[in-house]
Full PDB file with SEQRES, HELIX, SHEET, SSBOND, CRYST1, ORIGX, SCALE, CONECT and MASTER records, all heavy atoms in Angstrom:
SEQRES   1 A   40  SER THR PHE ARG HIS PRO PHE TYR PRO TYR CYS GLY ALA          
SEQRES   2 A   40  ASP SER SER ASN ASP HIS ILE ILE ASN VAL PRO LEU LYS          
SEQRES   3 A   40  GLY GLY THR SER SER ALA ASP PHE ARG GLU ALA VAL ILE          
SEQRES   4 A   40  THR                                                          
HELIX    1 AA1 SER A   31  ILE A   39  1                                   9    
SHEET    1 AA1 2 THR A   2  ARG A   4  0                                        
SHEET    2 AA1 2 VAL A  23  LEU A  25  1                                        
CRYST1    1.000    1.000    1.000  90.00  90.00  90.00 P 1           1          
ORIGX1      1.000000  0.000000  0.000000        0.00000                         
ORIGX2      0.000000  1.000000  0.000000        0.00000                         
ORIGX3      0.000000  0.000000  1.000000        0.00000                         
SCALE1      1.000000  0.000000  0.000000        0.00000                         
SCALE2      0.000000  1.000000  0.000000        0.00000                         
SCALE3      0.000000  0.000000  1.000000        0.00000                         
ATOM      1  N   SER A   1     -10.673   3.364 -11.670  1.00  0.00           N  
ATOM      2  CA  SER A   1     -11.934   3.288 -10.978  1.00  0.00           C  
ATOM      3  C   SER A   1     -11.730   3.124  -9.483  1.00  0.00           C  
ATOM      4  O   SER A   1     -10.905   2.305  -9.037  1.00  0.00           O  
ATOM      5  CB  SER A   1     -12.741   2.088 -11.519  1.00  0.00           C  
ATOM      6  OG  SER A   1     -13.990   1.994 -10.869  1.00  0.00           O  
ATOM      7  N   THR A   2     -12.461   3.918  -8.695  1.00  0.00           N  
ATOM      8  CA  THR A   2     -12.584   3.695  -7.237  1.00  0.00           C  
ATOM      9  C   THR A   2     -14.038   3.341  -6.959  1.00  0.00           C  
ATOM     10  O   THR A   2     -14.938   3.877  -7.607  1.00  0.00           O  
ATOM     11  CB  THR A   2     -12.173   4.899  -6.416  1.00  0.00           C  
ATOM     12  OG1 THR A   2     -12.966   6.052  -6.790  1.00  0.00           O  
ATOM     13  CG2 THR A   2     -10.708   5.228  -6.548  1.00  0.00           C  
ATOM     14  N   PHE A   3     -14.226   2.431  -6.008  1.00  0.00           N  
ATOM     15  CA  PHE A   3     -15.592   1.967  -5.724  1.00  0.00           C  
ATOM     16  C   PHE A   3     -15.522   1.235  -4.388  1.00  0.00           C  
ATOM     17  O   PHE A   3     -14.483   0.733  -3.963  1.00  0.00           O  
ATOM     18  CB  PHE A   3     -16.130   1.044  -6.819  1.00  0.00           C  
ATOM     19  CG  PHE A   3     -15.192  -0.065  -7.135  1.00  0.00           C  
ATOM     20  CD1 PHE A   3     -15.325  -1.306  -6.509  1.00  0.00           C  
ATOM     21  CD2 PHE A   3     -14.156   0.096  -8.040  1.00  0.00           C  
ATOM     22  CE1 PHE A   3     -14.436  -2.348  -6.800  1.00  0.00           C  
ATOM     23  CE2 PHE A   3     -13.274  -0.937  -8.317  1.00  0.00           C  
ATOM     24  CZ  PHE A   3     -13.409  -2.164  -7.708  1.00  0.00           C  
ATOM     25  N   ARG A   4     -16.676   1.155  -3.724  1.00  0.00           N  
ATOM     26  CA  ARG A   4     -16.739   0.412  -2.446  1.00  0.00           C  
ATOM     27  C   ARG A   4     -16.796  -1.091  -2.795  1.00  0.00           C  
ATOM     28  O   ARG A   4     -17.495  -1.516  -3.702  1.00  0.00           O  
ATOM     29  CB  ARG A   4     -18.023   0.801  -1.687  1.00  0.00           C  
ATOM     30  CG  ARG A   4     -18.112   0.054  -0.381  1.00  0.00           C  
ATOM     31  CD  ARG A   4     -19.285   0.562   0.440  1.00  0.00           C  
ATOM     32  NE  ARG A   4     -19.504  -0.390   1.542  1.00  0.00           N  
ATOM     33  CZ  ARG A   4     -20.581  -0.418   2.242  1.00  0.00           C  
ATOM     34  NH1 ARG A   4     -21.576   0.437   2.034  1.00  0.00           N  
ATOM     35  NH2 ARG A   4     -20.719  -1.295   3.236  1.00  0.00           N  
ATOM     36  N   HIS A   5     -16.002  -1.835  -2.010  1.00  0.00           N  
ATOM     37  CA  HIS A   5     -15.970  -3.283  -2.223  1.00  0.00           C  
ATOM     38  C   HIS A   5     -15.814  -3.976  -0.860  1.00  0.00           C  
ATOM     39  O   HIS A   5     -14.982  -3.551  -0.073  1.00  0.00           O  
ATOM     40  CB  HIS A   5     -14.824  -3.658  -3.156  1.00  0.00           C  
ATOM     41  CG  HIS A   5     -14.801  -5.091  -3.527  1.00  0.00           C  
ATOM     42  ND1 HIS A   5     -15.695  -5.607  -4.443  1.00  0.00           N  
ATOM     43  CD2 HIS A   5     -14.084  -6.112  -3.109  1.00  0.00           C  
ATOM     44  CE1 HIS A   5     -15.485  -6.885  -4.570  1.00  0.00           C  
ATOM     45  NE2 HIS A   5     -14.513  -7.227  -3.750  1.00  0.00           N  
ATOM     46  N   PRO A   6     -16.508  -5.012  -0.544  1.00  0.00           N  
ATOM     47  CA  PRO A   6     -17.534  -5.605  -1.412  1.00  0.00           C  
ATOM     48  C   PRO A   6     -18.829  -4.795  -1.344  1.00  0.00           C  
ATOM     49  O   PRO A   6     -19.234  -4.336  -0.273  1.00  0.00           O  
ATOM     50  CB  PRO A   6     -17.732  -6.981  -0.829  1.00  0.00           C  
ATOM     51  CG  PRO A   6     -17.333  -6.874   0.613  1.00  0.00           C  
ATOM     52  CD  PRO A   6     -16.298  -5.779   0.670  1.00  0.00           C  
ATOM     53  N   PHE A   7     -19.445  -4.592  -2.443  1.00  0.00           N  
ATOM     54  CA  PHE A   7     -20.698  -3.859  -2.596  1.00  0.00           C  
ATOM     55  C   PHE A   7     -21.206  -4.108  -3.999  1.00  0.00           C  
ATOM     56  O   PHE A   7     -20.443  -4.422  -4.879  1.00  0.00           O  
ATOM     57  CB  PHE A   7     -20.465  -2.344  -2.320  1.00  0.00           C  
ATOM     58  CG  PHE A   7     -21.698  -1.548  -2.001  1.00  0.00           C  
ATOM     59  CD1 PHE A   7     -22.403  -1.806  -0.815  1.00  0.00           C  
ATOM     60  CD2 PHE A   7     -22.100  -0.534  -2.809  1.00  0.00           C  
ATOM     61  CE1 PHE A   7     -23.511  -1.058  -0.500  1.00  0.00           C  
ATOM     62  CE2 PHE A   7     -23.197   0.233  -2.474  1.00  0.00           C  
ATOM     63  CZ  PHE A   7     -23.920  -0.025  -1.352  1.00  0.00           C  
ATOM     64  N   TYR A   8     -22.489  -3.931  -4.194  1.00  0.00           N  
ATOM     65  CA  TYR A   8     -23.070  -4.175  -5.535  1.00  0.00           C  
ATOM     66  C   TYR A   8     -22.269  -3.404  -6.581  1.00  0.00           C  
ATOM     67  O   TYR A   8     -21.958  -2.256  -6.373  1.00  0.00           O  
ATOM     68  CB  TYR A   8     -24.519  -3.702  -5.539  1.00  0.00           C  
ATOM     69  CG  TYR A   8     -25.164  -4.010  -6.860  1.00  0.00           C  
ATOM     70  CD1 TYR A   8     -25.713  -5.269  -7.096  1.00  0.00           C  
ATOM     71  CD2 TYR A   8     -25.220  -3.061  -7.874  1.00  0.00           C  
ATOM     72  CE1 TYR A   8     -26.295  -5.585  -8.325  1.00  0.00           C  
ATOM     73  CE2 TYR A   8     -25.816  -3.356  -9.085  1.00  0.00           C  
ATOM     74  CZ  TYR A   8     -26.343  -4.607  -9.317  1.00  0.00           C  
ATOM     75  OH  TYR A   8     -26.874  -4.912 -10.526  1.00  0.00           O  
ATOM     76  N   PRO A   9     -21.873  -3.997  -7.682  1.00  0.00           N  
ATOM     77  CA  PRO A   9     -22.235  -5.323  -8.224  1.00  0.00           C  
ATOM     78  C   PRO A   9     -21.290  -6.460  -7.837  1.00  0.00           C  
ATOM     79  O   PRO A   9     -21.202  -7.456  -8.576  1.00  0.00           O  
ATOM     80  CB  PRO A   9     -22.241  -5.085  -9.736  1.00  0.00           C  
ATOM     81  CG  PRO A   9     -21.164  -4.051  -9.956  1.00  0.00           C  
ATOM     82  CD  PRO A   9     -21.213  -3.206  -8.698  1.00  0.00           C  
ATOM     83  N   TYR A  10     -20.576  -6.331  -6.735  1.00  0.00           N  
ATOM     84  CA  TYR A  10     -19.718  -7.390  -6.180  1.00  0.00           C  
ATOM     85  C   TYR A  10     -18.650  -7.904  -7.145  1.00  0.00           C  
ATOM     86  O   TYR A  10     -18.415  -9.097  -7.278  1.00  0.00           O  
ATOM     87  CB  TYR A  10     -20.572  -8.578  -5.668  1.00  0.00           C  
ATOM     88  CG  TYR A  10     -21.612  -8.087  -4.686  1.00  0.00           C  
ATOM     89  CD1 TYR A  10     -22.953  -7.980  -5.038  1.00  0.00           C  
ATOM     90  CD2 TYR A  10     -21.249  -7.704  -3.399  1.00  0.00           C  
ATOM     91  CE1 TYR A  10     -23.907  -7.516  -4.159  1.00  0.00           C  
ATOM     92  CE2 TYR A  10     -22.181  -7.253  -2.508  1.00  0.00           C  
ATOM     93  CZ  TYR A  10     -23.518  -7.177  -2.878  1.00  0.00           C  
ATOM     94  OH  TYR A  10     -24.440  -6.703  -2.017  1.00  0.00           O  
ATOM     95  N   CYS A  11     -18.012  -6.995  -7.856  1.00  0.00           N  
ATOM     96  CA  CYS A  11     -16.952  -7.347  -8.762  1.00  0.00           C  
ATOM     97  C   CYS A  11     -15.939  -6.230  -8.863  1.00  0.00           C  
ATOM     98  O   CYS A  11     -16.117  -5.162  -8.263  1.00  0.00           O  
ATOM     99  CB  CYS A  11     -17.496  -7.689 -10.165  1.00  0.00           C  
ATOM    100  SG  CYS A  11     -18.354  -6.301 -10.963  1.00  0.00           S  
ATOM    101  N   GLY A  12     -14.869  -6.477  -9.601  1.00  0.00           N  
ATOM    102  CA  GLY A  12     -13.891  -5.432  -9.872  1.00  0.00           C  
ATOM    103  C   GLY A  12     -12.714  -5.365  -8.971  1.00  0.00           C  
ATOM    104  O   GLY A  12     -11.846  -4.535  -9.179  1.00  0.00           O  
ATOM    105  N   ALA A  13     -12.634  -6.207  -7.938  1.00  0.00           N  
ATOM    106  CA  ALA A  13     -11.516  -6.112  -7.012  1.00  0.00           C  
ATOM    107  C   ALA A  13     -10.179  -6.429  -7.718  1.00  0.00           C  
ATOM    108  O   ALA A  13      -9.156  -5.905  -7.333  1.00  0.00           O  
ATOM    109  CB  ALA A  13     -11.731  -7.053  -5.837  1.00  0.00           C  
ATOM    110  N   ASP A  14     -10.214  -7.243  -8.745  1.00  0.00           N  
ATOM    111  CA  ASP A  14      -8.988  -7.584  -9.466  1.00  0.00           C  
ATOM    112  C   ASP A  14      -9.268  -7.676 -10.959  1.00  0.00           C  
ATOM    113  O   ASP A  14     -10.017  -8.548 -11.378  1.00  0.00           O  
ATOM    114  CB  ASP A  14      -8.441  -8.920  -8.948  1.00  0.00           C  
ATOM    115  CG  ASP A  14      -7.169  -9.318  -9.656  1.00  0.00           C  
ATOM    116  OD1 ASP A  14      -6.462  -8.430 -10.208  1.00  0.00           O  
ATOM    117  OD2 ASP A  14      -6.858 -10.508  -9.700  1.00  0.00           O  
ATOM    118  N   SER A  15      -8.697  -6.760 -11.681  1.00  0.00           N  
ATOM    119  CA  SER A  15      -8.978  -6.756 -13.151  1.00  0.00           C  
ATOM    120  C   SER A  15      -7.994  -7.645 -13.886  1.00  0.00           C  
ATOM    121  O   SER A  15      -8.283  -8.041 -15.009  1.00  0.00           O  
ATOM    122  CB  SER A  15      -8.891  -5.342 -13.717  1.00  0.00           C  
ATOM    123  OG  SER A  15      -7.536  -4.911 -13.741  1.00  0.00           O  
ATOM    124  N   SER A  16      -6.834  -7.913 -13.293  1.00  0.00           N  
ATOM    125  CA  SER A  16      -5.771  -8.678 -13.964  1.00  0.00           C  
ATOM    126  C   SER A  16      -5.421  -8.072 -15.316  1.00  0.00           C  
ATOM    127  O   SER A  16      -5.197  -8.783 -16.293  1.00  0.00           O  
ATOM    128  CB  SER A  16      -6.154 -10.151 -14.119  1.00  0.00           C  
ATOM    129  OG  SER A  16      -6.425 -10.702 -12.866  1.00  0.00           O  
ATOM    130  N   ASN A  17      -5.465  -6.743 -15.393  1.00  0.00           N  
ATOM    131  CA  ASN A  17      -5.264  -6.047 -16.649  1.00  0.00           C  
ATOM    132  C   ASN A  17      -4.552  -4.727 -16.356  1.00  0.00           C  
ATOM    133  O   ASN A  17      -4.958  -3.963 -15.537  1.00  0.00           O  
ATOM    134  CB  ASN A  17      -6.657  -5.790 -17.249  1.00  0.00           C  
ATOM    135  CG  ASN A  17      -6.608  -5.317 -18.649  1.00  0.00           C  
ATOM    136  OD1 ASN A  17      -5.760  -4.487 -19.006  1.00  0.00           O  
ATOM    137  ND2 ASN A  17      -7.533  -5.782 -19.471  1.00  0.00           N  
ATOM    138  N   ASP A  18      -3.438  -4.464 -17.082  1.00  0.00           N  
ATOM    139  CA  ASP A  18      -2.647  -3.309 -16.752  1.00  0.00           C  
ATOM    140  C   ASP A  18      -3.224  -1.974 -17.236  1.00  0.00           C  
ATOM    141  O   ASP A  18      -2.737  -0.933 -16.902  1.00  0.00           O  
ATOM    142  CB  ASP A  18      -1.201  -3.441 -17.196  1.00  0.00           C  
ATOM    143  CG  ASP A  18      -1.055  -3.634 -18.707  1.00  0.00           C  
ATOM    144  OD1 ASP A  18      -2.072  -3.751 -19.426  1.00  0.00           O  
ATOM    145  OD2 ASP A  18       0.095  -3.670 -19.178  1.00  0.00           O  
ATOM    146  N   HIS A  19      -4.308  -2.001 -18.028  1.00  0.00           N  
ATOM    147  CA  HIS A  19      -4.942  -0.727 -18.404  1.00  0.00           C  
ATOM    148  C   HIS A  19      -6.318  -0.553 -17.742  1.00  0.00           C  
ATOM    149  O   HIS A  19      -7.039   0.361 -18.033  1.00  0.00           O  
ATOM    150  CB  HIS A  19      -5.046  -0.587 -19.941  1.00  0.00           C  
ATOM    151  CG  HIS A  19      -5.977  -1.533 -20.597  1.00  0.00           C  
ATOM    152  ND1 HIS A  19      -7.275  -1.226 -20.925  1.00  0.00           N  
ATOM    153  CD2 HIS A  19      -5.790  -2.838 -21.008  1.00  0.00           C  
ATOM    154  CE1 HIS A  19      -7.863  -2.264 -21.489  1.00  0.00           C  
ATOM    155  NE2 HIS A  19      -6.994  -3.213 -21.553  1.00  0.00           N  
ATOM    156  N   ILE A  20      -6.630  -1.446 -16.774  1.00  0.00           N  
ATOM    157  CA  ILE A  20      -7.795  -1.292 -15.925  1.00  0.00           C  
ATOM    158  C   ILE A  20      -7.273  -1.174 -14.514  1.00  0.00           C  
ATOM    159  O   ILE A  20      -6.766  -2.114 -13.925  1.00  0.00           O  
ATOM    160  CB  ILE A  20      -8.727  -2.535 -16.033  1.00  0.00           C  
ATOM    161  CG1 ILE A  20      -9.103  -2.843 -17.482  1.00  0.00           C  
ATOM    162  CG2 ILE A  20      -9.965  -2.340 -15.140  1.00  0.00           C  
ATOM    163  CD1 ILE A  20     -10.013  -1.858 -18.166  1.00  0.00           C  
ATOM    164  N   ILE A  21      -7.372   0.016 -13.953  1.00  0.00           N  
ATOM    165  CA  ILE A  21      -6.803   0.314 -12.655  1.00  0.00           C  
ATOM    166  C   ILE A  21      -7.989   0.408 -11.648  1.00  0.00           C  
ATOM    167  O   ILE A  21      -8.545   1.453 -11.403  1.00  0.00           O  
ATOM    168  CB  ILE A  21      -6.016   1.660 -12.638  1.00  0.00           C  
ATOM    169  CG1 ILE A  21      -5.059   1.725 -13.851  1.00  0.00           C  
ATOM    170  CG2 ILE A  21      -5.314   1.869 -11.321  1.00  0.00           C  
ATOM    171  CD1 ILE A  21      -4.050   0.627 -13.941  1.00  0.00           C  
ATOM    172  N   ASN A  22      -8.347  -0.739 -11.084  1.00  0.00           N  
ATOM    173  CA  ASN A  22      -9.399  -0.801 -10.121  1.00  0.00           C  
ATOM    174  C   ASN A  22      -8.856  -0.627  -8.721  1.00  0.00           C  
ATOM    175  O   ASN A  22      -7.901  -1.315  -8.356  1.00  0.00           O  
ATOM    176  CB  ASN A  22     -10.142  -2.153 -10.207  1.00  0.00           C  
ATOM    177  CG  ASN A  22     -11.026  -2.251 -11.404  1.00  0.00           C  
ATOM    178  OD1 ASN A  22     -11.531  -1.230 -11.916  1.00  0.00           O  
ATOM    179  ND2 ASN A  22     -11.301  -3.433 -11.889  1.00  0.00           N  
ATOM    180  N   VAL A  23      -9.465   0.274  -7.976  1.00  0.00           N  
ATOM    181  CA  VAL A  23      -9.045   0.521  -6.594  1.00  0.00           C  
ATOM    182  C   VAL A  23     -10.268   0.334  -5.706  1.00  0.00           C  
ATOM    183  O   VAL A  23     -11.039   1.285  -5.452  1.00  0.00           O  
ATOM    184  CB  VAL A  23      -8.442   1.925  -6.411  1.00  0.00           C  
ATOM    185  CG1 VAL A  23      -7.889   2.076  -5.013  1.00  0.00           C  
ATOM    186  CG2 VAL A  23      -7.346   2.146  -7.476  1.00  0.00           C  
ATOM    187  N   PRO A  24     -10.492  -0.883  -5.185  1.00  0.00           N  
ATOM    188  CA  PRO A  24     -11.616  -1.099  -4.269  1.00  0.00           C  
ATOM    189  C   PRO A  24     -11.352  -0.392  -2.942  1.00  0.00           C  
ATOM    190  O   PRO A  24     -10.252  -0.390  -2.440  1.00  0.00           O  
ATOM    191  CB  PRO A  24     -11.652  -2.607  -4.123  1.00  0.00           C  
ATOM    192  CG  PRO A  24     -10.395  -3.150  -4.659  1.00  0.00           C  
ATOM    193  CD  PRO A  24      -9.713  -2.098  -5.472  1.00  0.00           C  
ATOM    194  N   LEU A  25     -12.419   0.203  -2.418  1.00  0.00           N  
ATOM    195  CA  LEU A  25     -12.371   0.922  -1.159  1.00  0.00           C  
ATOM    196  C   LEU A  25     -13.265   0.223  -0.150  1.00  0.00           C  
ATOM    197  O   LEU A  25     -14.356  -0.174  -0.468  1.00  0.00           O  
ATOM    198  CB  LEU A  25     -12.807   2.382  -1.326  1.00  0.00           C  
ATOM    199  CG  LEU A  25     -12.079   3.204  -2.386  1.00  0.00           C  
ATOM    200  CD1 LEU A  25     -12.773   4.547  -2.587  1.00  0.00           C  
ATOM    201  CD2 LEU A  25     -10.614   3.372  -2.023  1.00  0.00           C  
ATOM    202  N   LYS A  26     -12.777   0.152   1.109  1.00  0.00           N  
ATOM    203  CA  LYS A  26     -13.602  -0.482   2.157  1.00  0.00           C  
ATOM    204  C   LYS A  26     -14.662   0.506   2.600  1.00  0.00           C  
ATOM    205  O   LYS A  26     -14.488   1.723   2.529  1.00  0.00           O  
ATOM    206  CB  LYS A  26     -12.704  -0.828   3.346  1.00  0.00           C  
ATOM    207  CG  LYS A  26     -11.699  -1.899   3.029  1.00  0.00           C  
ATOM    208  CD  LYS A  26     -10.848  -2.183   4.206  1.00  0.00           C  
ATOM    209  CE  LYS A  26      -9.799  -3.240   3.848  1.00  0.00           C  
ATOM    210  NZ  LYS A  26      -8.886  -3.534   4.926  1.00  0.00           N  
ATOM    211  N   GLY A  27     -15.778  -0.052   3.100  1.00  0.00           N  
ATOM    212  CA  GLY A  27     -16.793   0.813   3.704  1.00  0.00           C  
ATOM    213  C   GLY A  27     -16.155   1.704   4.766  1.00  0.00           C  
ATOM    214  O   GLY A  27     -15.255   1.293   5.480  1.00  0.00           O  
ATOM    215  N   GLY A  28     -16.591   2.969   4.817  1.00  0.00           N  
ATOM    216  CA  GLY A  28     -16.046   3.920   5.736  1.00  0.00           C  
ATOM    217  C   GLY A  28     -14.788   4.644   5.280  1.00  0.00           C  
ATOM    218  O   GLY A  28     -14.212   5.422   6.034  1.00  0.00           O  
ATOM    219  N   THR A  29     -14.329   4.386   4.054  1.00  0.00           N  
ATOM    220  CA  THR A  29     -13.136   5.014   3.518  1.00  0.00           C  
ATOM    221  C   THR A  29     -13.266   6.539   3.643  1.00  0.00           C  
ATOM    222  O   THR A  29     -14.280   7.128   3.276  1.00  0.00           O  
ATOM    223  CB  THR A  29     -12.925   4.609   2.046  1.00  0.00           C  
ATOM    224  OG1 THR A  29     -12.521   3.235   2.023  1.00  0.00           O  
ATOM    225  CG2 THR A  29     -11.843   5.462   1.411  1.00  0.00           C  
ATOM    226  N   SER A  30     -12.192   7.159   4.141  1.00  0.00           N  
ATOM    227  CA  SER A  30     -12.176   8.596   4.387  1.00  0.00           C  
ATOM    228  C   SER A  30     -11.635   9.370   3.180  1.00  0.00           C  
ATOM    229  O   SER A  30     -11.105   8.751   2.262  1.00  0.00           O  
ATOM    230  CB  SER A  30     -11.262   8.855   5.601  1.00  0.00           C  
ATOM    231  OG  SER A  30      -9.896   8.572   5.227  1.00  0.00           O  
ATOM    232  N   SER A  31     -11.728  10.672   3.295  1.00  0.00           N  
ATOM    233  CA  SER A  31     -11.141  11.556   2.255  1.00  0.00           C  
ATOM    234  C   SER A  31      -9.647  11.255   2.077  1.00  0.00           C  
ATOM    235  O   SER A  31      -9.188  11.165   0.945  1.00  0.00           O  
ATOM    236  CB  SER A  31     -11.275  13.025   2.683  1.00  0.00           C  
ATOM    237  OG  SER A  31     -12.609  13.420   2.654  1.00  0.00           O  
ATOM    238  N   ALA A  32      -8.928  11.172   3.186  1.00  0.00           N  
ATOM    239  CA  ALA A  32      -7.494  10.959   3.088  1.00  0.00           C  
ATOM    240  C   ALA A  32      -7.187   9.628   2.408  1.00  0.00           C  
ATOM    241  O   ALA A  32      -6.254   9.574   1.579  1.00  0.00           O  
ATOM    242  CB  ALA A  32      -6.870  10.967   4.492  1.00  0.00           C  
ATOM    243  N   ASP A  33      -7.935   8.581   2.721  1.00  0.00           N  
ATOM    244  CA  ASP A  33      -7.698   7.279   2.064  1.00  0.00           C  
ATOM    245  C   ASP A  33      -8.076   7.310   0.565  1.00  0.00           C  
ATOM    246  O   ASP A  33      -7.364   6.714  -0.254  1.00  0.00           O  
ATOM    247  CB  ASP A  33      -8.485   6.184   2.767  1.00  0.00           C  
ATOM    248  CG  ASP A  33      -7.939   5.944   4.182  1.00  0.00           C  
ATOM    249  OD1 ASP A  33      -6.760   6.208   4.451  1.00  0.00           O  
ATOM    250  OD2 ASP A  33      -8.729   5.424   5.006  1.00  0.00           O  
ATOM    251  N   PHE A  34      -9.176   7.993   0.216  1.00  0.00           N  
ATOM    252  CA  PHE A  34      -9.536   8.150  -1.175  1.00  0.00           C  
ATOM    253  C   PHE A  34      -8.418   8.873  -1.932  1.00  0.00           C  
ATOM    254  O   PHE A  34      -8.000   8.456  -3.018  1.00  0.00           O  
ATOM    255  CB  PHE A  34     -10.868   8.891  -1.313  1.00  0.00           C  
ATOM    256  CG  PHE A  34     -11.193   9.332  -2.714  1.00  0.00           C  
ATOM    257  CD1 PHE A  34     -11.592   8.425  -3.677  1.00  0.00           C  
ATOM    258  CD2 PHE A  34     -11.071  10.687  -3.053  1.00  0.00           C  
ATOM    259  CE1 PHE A  34     -11.899   8.856  -4.964  1.00  0.00           C  
ATOM    260  CE2 PHE A  34     -11.364  11.104  -4.350  1.00  0.00           C  
ATOM    261  CZ  PHE A  34     -11.769  10.191  -5.317  1.00  0.00           C  
ATOM    262  N   ARG A  35      -7.962   9.989  -1.383  1.00  0.00           N  
ATOM    263  CA  ARG A  35      -6.927  10.760  -2.050  1.00  0.00           C  
ATOM    264  C   ARG A  35      -5.649   9.965  -2.195  1.00  0.00           C  
ATOM    265  O   ARG A  35      -4.973  10.023  -3.232  1.00  0.00           O  
ATOM    266  CB  ARG A  35      -6.706  12.096  -1.317  1.00  0.00           C  
ATOM    267  CG  ARG A  35      -7.897  13.025  -1.429  1.00  0.00           C  
ATOM    268  CD  ARG A  35      -7.667  14.322  -0.687  1.00  0.00           C  
ATOM    269  NE  ARG A  35      -8.855  15.160  -0.696  1.00  0.00           N  
ATOM    270  CZ  ARG A  35      -8.851  16.482  -0.720  1.00  0.00           C  
ATOM    271  NH1 ARG A  35      -7.707  17.132  -0.738  1.00  0.00           N  
ATOM    272  NH2 ARG A  35      -9.972  17.133  -0.738  1.00  0.00           N  
ATOM    273  N   GLU A  36      -5.298   9.214  -1.181  1.00  0.00           N  
ATOM    274  CA  GLU A  36      -4.090   8.377  -1.250  1.00  0.00           C  
ATOM    275  C   GLU A  36      -4.261   7.294  -2.361  1.00  0.00           C  
ATOM    276  O   GLU A  36      -3.306   7.016  -3.088  1.00  0.00           O  
ATOM    277  CB  GLU A  36      -3.805   7.721   0.086  1.00  0.00           C  
ATOM    278  CG  GLU A  36      -2.584   6.860   0.106  1.00  0.00           C  
ATOM    279  CD  GLU A  36      -1.292   7.626  -0.156  1.00  0.00           C  
ATOM    280  OE1 GLU A  36      -1.226   8.828   0.127  1.00  0.00           O  
ATOM    281  OE2 GLU A  36      -0.351   6.989  -0.688  1.00  0.00           O  
ATOM    282  N   ALA A  37      -5.440   6.744  -2.494  1.00  0.00           N  
ATOM    283  CA  ALA A  37      -5.694   5.741  -3.545  1.00  0.00           C  
ATOM    284  C   ALA A  37      -5.505   6.374  -4.923  1.00  0.00           C  
ATOM    285  O   ALA A  37      -4.881   5.796  -5.810  1.00  0.00           O  
ATOM    286  CB  ALA A  37      -7.113   5.185  -3.432  1.00  0.00           C  
ATOM    287  N   VAL A  38      -6.001   7.587  -5.122  1.00  0.00           N  
ATOM    288  CA  VAL A  38      -5.836   8.273  -6.424  1.00  0.00           C  
ATOM    289  C   VAL A  38      -4.355   8.584  -6.658  1.00  0.00           C  
ATOM    290  O   VAL A  38      -3.847   8.322  -7.753  1.00  0.00           O  
ATOM    291  CB  VAL A  38      -6.698   9.562  -6.457  1.00  0.00           C  
ATOM    292  CG1 VAL A  38      -6.372  10.419  -7.682  1.00  0.00           C  
ATOM    293  CG2 VAL A  38      -8.189   9.179  -6.473  1.00  0.00           C  
ATOM    294  N   ILE A  39      -3.682   9.084  -5.644  1.00  0.00           N  
ATOM    295  CA  ILE A  39      -2.270   9.476  -5.790  1.00  0.00           C  
ATOM    296  C   ILE A  39      -1.427   8.227  -6.075  1.00  0.00           C  
ATOM    297  O   ILE A  39      -0.531   8.249  -6.925  1.00  0.00           O  
ATOM    298  CB  ILE A  39      -1.768  10.211  -4.535  1.00  0.00           C  
ATOM    299  CG1 ILE A  39      -2.406  11.624  -4.482  1.00  0.00           C  
ATOM    300  CG2 ILE A  39      -0.227  10.295  -4.508  1.00  0.00           C  
ATOM    301  CD1 ILE A  39      -2.252  12.313  -3.126  1.00  0.00           C  
ATOM    302  N   THR A  40      -1.669   7.149  -5.348  1.00  0.00           N  
ATOM    303  CA  THR A  40      -0.876   5.949  -5.481  1.00  0.00           C  
ATOM    304  C   THR A  40      -1.159   5.139  -6.725  1.00  0.00           C  
ATOM    305  O   THR A  40      -0.203   4.593  -7.326  1.00  0.00           O  
ATOM    306  CB  THR A  40      -1.088   5.077  -4.219  1.00  0.00           C  
ATOM    307  OG1 THR A  40      -0.725   5.826  -3.060  1.00  0.00           O  
ATOM    308  CG2 THR A  40      -0.247   3.809  -4.259  1.00  0.00           C  
TER     309      THR A  40                                                      
MASTER        0    0    0    1    2    0    0    6  308    1    0    4          
END                                                                             
């Protein structure tokens, strides 16, 4: 999952679970940063 954080519903920044891959994105995240998050 990618999502803006902090933003509604204000959760998900840390799943503490190896099969839940949460990638919080800061407001203003660009295409390049989104793609890097997916790749990484």
